[in-house]
């Protein structure tokens, strides 16, 4: 599914994105960076409540294409700059991680 479709179907807010036409084939929910590094699949969308710039480094290593910051939280400026440099889309959701994950599932992301 294209990231653009996910954003529309799940009512996500785009914070930073160079390309919304990337293919997203999976998703992962987690806040412990080592867990995400060991378990998140590539070409995925990652739901978290972490907003510091280390999330971009982890996403780059794993191959995550987009990060969704849940609970209505905001990204740090350094995170936004780093995401732009690494072509990682930053999105936000006013919902908690569970509800956002359910929206992704209902949208057809498996």
C-alpha atoms as a PDB file:
ATOM      1  CA  UNK A   1       0.000   0.000   0.000  1.00  0.00           C
ATOM      2  CA  UNK A   2       1.313   3.468  -0.774  1.00  0.00           C
ATOM      3  CA  UNK A   3       2.119   5.737   2.156  1.00  0.00           C
ATOM      4  CA  UNK A   4      -0.191   8.346   0.644  1.00  0.00           C
ATOM      5  CA  UNK A   5      -3.121   5.907   0.892  1.00  0.00           C
ATOM      6  CA  UNK A   6      -2.301   5.037   4.490  1.00  0.00           C
ATOM      7  CA  UNK A   7      -2.203   8.706   5.454  1.00  0.00           C
ATOM      8  CA  UNK A   8      -5.607   9.329   3.883  1.00  0.00           C
ATOM      9  CA  UNK A   9      -7.309   6.206   5.230  1.00  0.00           C
ATOM     10  CA  UNK A  10      -5.936   6.583   8.767  1.00  0.00           C
ATOM     11  CA  UNK A  11      -6.247  10.357   9.087  1.00  0.00           C
ATOM     12  CA  UNK A  12      -2.551  10.846   9.830  1.00  0.00           C
ATOM     13  CA  UNK A  13      -0.868  14.240   9.777  1.00  0.00           C
ATOM     14  CA  UNK A  14       2.238  14.698   7.615  1.00  0.00           C
ATOM     15  CA  UNK A  15       5.034  16.444   9.510  1.00  0.00           C
ATOM     16  CA  UNK A  16       7.939  15.743   7.168  1.00  0.00           C
ATOM     17  CA  UNK A  17       7.911  13.758   3.936  1.00  0.00           C
ATOM     18  CA  UNK A  18       9.913  13.874   0.743  1.00  0.00           C
ATOM     19  CA  UNK A  19       7.928  11.143  -1.010  1.00  0.00           C
ATOM     20  CA  UNK A  20       4.438   9.897  -0.172  1.00  0.00           C
ATOM     21  CA  UNK A  21       4.464   7.336  -2.975  1.00  0.00           C
ATOM     22  CA  UNK A  22       6.696   4.817  -1.198  1.00  0.00           C
ATOM     23  CA  UNK A  23       5.354   1.298  -0.768  1.00  0.00           C
ATOM     24  CA  UNK A  24       4.591   0.244   2.807  1.00  0.00           C
ATOM     25  CA  UNK A  25       4.304  -3.511   3.199  1.00  0.00           C
ATOM     26  CA  UNK A  26       4.175  -3.938   6.973  1.00  0.00           C
ATOM     27  CA  UNK A  27       4.004  -2.154  10.298  1.00  0.00           C
ATOM     28  CA  UNK A  28       5.574  -2.252  13.737  1.00  0.00           C
ATOM     29  CA  UNK A  29       4.647  -0.812  17.124  1.00  0.00           C
ATOM     30  CA  UNK A  30       7.361  -0.271  19.695  1.00  0.00           C
ATOM     31  CA  UNK A  31       9.123   2.268  21.857  1.00  0.00           C
ATOM     32  CA  UNK A  32      12.253   0.348  22.818  1.00  0.00           C
ATOM     33  CA  UNK A  33      14.799   1.148  20.102  1.00  0.00           C
ATOM     34  CA  UNK A  34      16.713  -2.122  20.432  1.00  0.00           C
ATOM     35  CA  UNK A  35      13.453  -4.040  20.006  1.00  0.00           C
ATOM     36  CA  UNK A  36      12.619  -2.093  16.854  1.00  0.00           C
ATOM     37  CA  UNK A  37      16.128  -2.661  15.477  1.00  0.00           C
ATOM     38  CA  UNK A  38      15.818  -6.397  16.062  1.00  0.00           C
ATOM     39  CA  UNK A  39      12.236  -6.942  14.958  1.00  0.00           C
ATOM     40  CA  UNK A  40      10.774  -4.233  12.724  1.00  0.00           C
ATOM     41  CA  UNK A  41      10.570  -5.302   9.083  1.00  0.00           C
ATOM     42  CA  UNK A  42      11.939  -3.164   6.273  1.00  0.00           C
ATOM     43  CA  UNK A  43       9.563  -1.141   4.105  1.00  0.00           C
ATOM     44  CA  UNK A  44       7.321  -0.667   7.113  1.00  0.00           C
ATOM     45  CA  UNK A  45       5.576   2.060   9.063  1.00  0.00           C
ATOM     46  CA  UNK A  46       6.595   2.344  12.735  1.00  0.00           C
ATOM     47  CA  UNK A  47       4.302   3.581  15.504  1.00  0.00           C
ATOM     48  CA  UNK A  48       5.971   5.016  18.600  1.00  0.00           C
ATOM     49  CA  UNK A  49       5.861   7.690  21.297  1.00  0.00           C
ATOM     50  CA  UNK A  50       9.586   8.409  20.973  1.00  0.00           C
ATOM     51  CA  UNK A  51      10.361  11.741  19.324  1.00  0.00           C
ATOM     52  CA  UNK A  52      14.144  12.184  19.633  1.00  0.00           C
ATOM     53  CA  UNK A  53      16.428  11.989  16.608  1.00  0.00           C
ATOM     54  CA  UNK A  54      17.678   8.467  17.401  1.00  0.00           C
ATOM     55  CA  UNK A  55      14.414   7.103  15.997  1.00  0.00           C
ATOM     56  CA  UNK A  56      15.515   8.281  12.549  1.00  0.00           C
ATOM     57  CA  UNK A  57      18.822   6.420  12.874  1.00  0.00           C
ATOM     58  CA  UNK A  58      16.974   3.241  13.862  1.00  0.00           C
ATOM     59  CA  UNK A  59      14.492   3.647  11.001  1.00  0.00           C
ATOM     60  CA  UNK A  60      17.365   4.089   8.548  1.00  0.00           C
ATOM     61  CA  UNK A  61      19.178   0.977   9.777  1.00  0.00           C
ATOM     62  CA  UNK A  62      16.055  -1.193   9.632  1.00  0.00           C
ATOM     63  CA  UNK A  63      14.600   0.209   6.410  1.00  0.00           C
ATOM     64  CA  UNK A  64      11.489   1.738   7.976  1.00  0.00           C
ATOM     65  CA  UNK A  65       9.964   4.220   5.511  1.00  0.00           C
ATOM     66  CA  UNK A  66       7.699   6.188   7.865  1.00  0.00           C
ATOM     67  CA  UNK A  67       7.383   6.891  11.583  1.00  0.00           C
ATOM     68  CA  UNK A  68       4.081   7.758  13.265  1.00  0.00           C
ATOM     69  CA  UNK A  69       4.315   9.637  16.545  1.00  0.00           C
ATOM     70  CA  UNK A  70       1.196   8.761  18.515  1.00  0.00           C
ATOM     71  CA  UNK A  71      -0.712  10.379  21.409  1.00  0.00           C
ATOM     72  CA  UNK A  72      -0.670  13.818  19.778  1.00  0.00           C
ATOM     73  CA  UNK A  73       3.004  14.280  20.657  1.00  0.00           C
ATOM     74  CA  UNK A  74       5.364  16.479  18.627  1.00  0.00           C
ATOM     75  CA  UNK A  75       8.754  15.765  17.088  1.00  0.00           C
ATOM     76  CA  UNK A  76      11.891  17.572  18.175  1.00  0.00           C
ATOM     77  CA  UNK A  77      13.342  19.966  15.579  1.00  0.00           C
ATOM     78  CA  UNK A  78      16.511  17.861  15.288  1.00  0.00           C
ATOM     79  CA  UNK A  79      14.400  14.805  14.511  1.00  0.00           C
ATOM     80  CA  UNK A  80      12.622  16.611  11.701  1.00  0.00           C
ATOM     81  CA  UNK A  81      15.909  17.763  10.188  1.00  0.00           C
ATOM     82  CA  UNK A  82      17.448  14.278  10.409  1.00  0.00           C
ATOM     83  CA  UNK A  83      14.340  12.684   8.859  1.00  0.00           C
ATOM     84  CA  UNK A  84      14.538  15.051   5.916  1.00  0.00           C
ATOM     85  CA  UNK A  85      18.224  14.184   5.398  1.00  0.00           C
ATOM     86  CA  UNK A  86      17.409  10.455   5.474  1.00  0.00           C
ATOM     87  CA  UNK A  87      14.148  10.559   3.482  1.00  0.00           C
ATOM     88  CA  UNK A  88      12.142   9.096   6.370  1.00  0.00           C
ATOM     89  CA  UNK A  89       8.540  10.331   6.500  1.00  0.00           C
ATOM     90  CA  UNK A  90       7.403  11.674   9.858  1.00  0.00           C
ATOM     91  CA  UNK A  91       3.700  11.459  10.600  1.00  0.00           C
ATOM     92  CA  UNK A  92       1.601  12.046  13.679  1.00  0.00           C
ATOM     93  CA  UNK A  93      -1.608  10.713  15.154  1.00  0.00           C
ATOM     94  CA  UNK A  94      -3.761  12.162  17.907  1.00  0.00           C
ATOM     95  CA  UNK A  95      -4.732   8.588  18.829  1.00  0.00           C
ATOM     96  CA  UNK A  96      -2.741   6.222  21.044  1.00  0.00           C
ATOM     97  CA  UNK A  97      -0.587   3.504  19.488  1.00  0.00           C
ATOM     98  CA  UNK A  98      -3.255   0.814  19.850  1.00  0.00           C
ATOM     99  CA  UNK A  99      -5.999   2.806  18.127  1.00  0.00           C
ATOM    100  CA  UNK A 100      -3.609   3.949  15.398  1.00  0.00           C
ATOM    101  CA  UNK A 101      -2.543   0.349  14.842  1.00  0.00           C
ATOM    102  CA  UNK A 102      -6.184  -0.689  14.523  1.00  0.00           C
ATOM    103  CA  UNK A 103      -6.731   2.021  11.906  1.00  0.00           C
ATOM    104  CA  UNK A 104      -3.791   0.663   9.909  1.00  0.00           C
ATOM    105  CA  UNK A 105      -5.261  -2.830  10.087  1.00  0.00           C
ATOM    106  CA  UNK A 106      -8.714  -1.617   9.065  1.00  0.00           C
ATOM    107  CA  UNK A 107      -7.123   0.256   6.145  1.00  0.00           C
ATOM    108  CA  UNK A 108      -5.779  -3.048   4.854  1.00  0.00           C
ATOM    109  CA  UNK A 109      -2.167  -3.018   6.041  1.00  0.00           C
ATOM    110  CA  UNK A 110      -1.209  -6.499   7.173  1.00  0.00           C
END
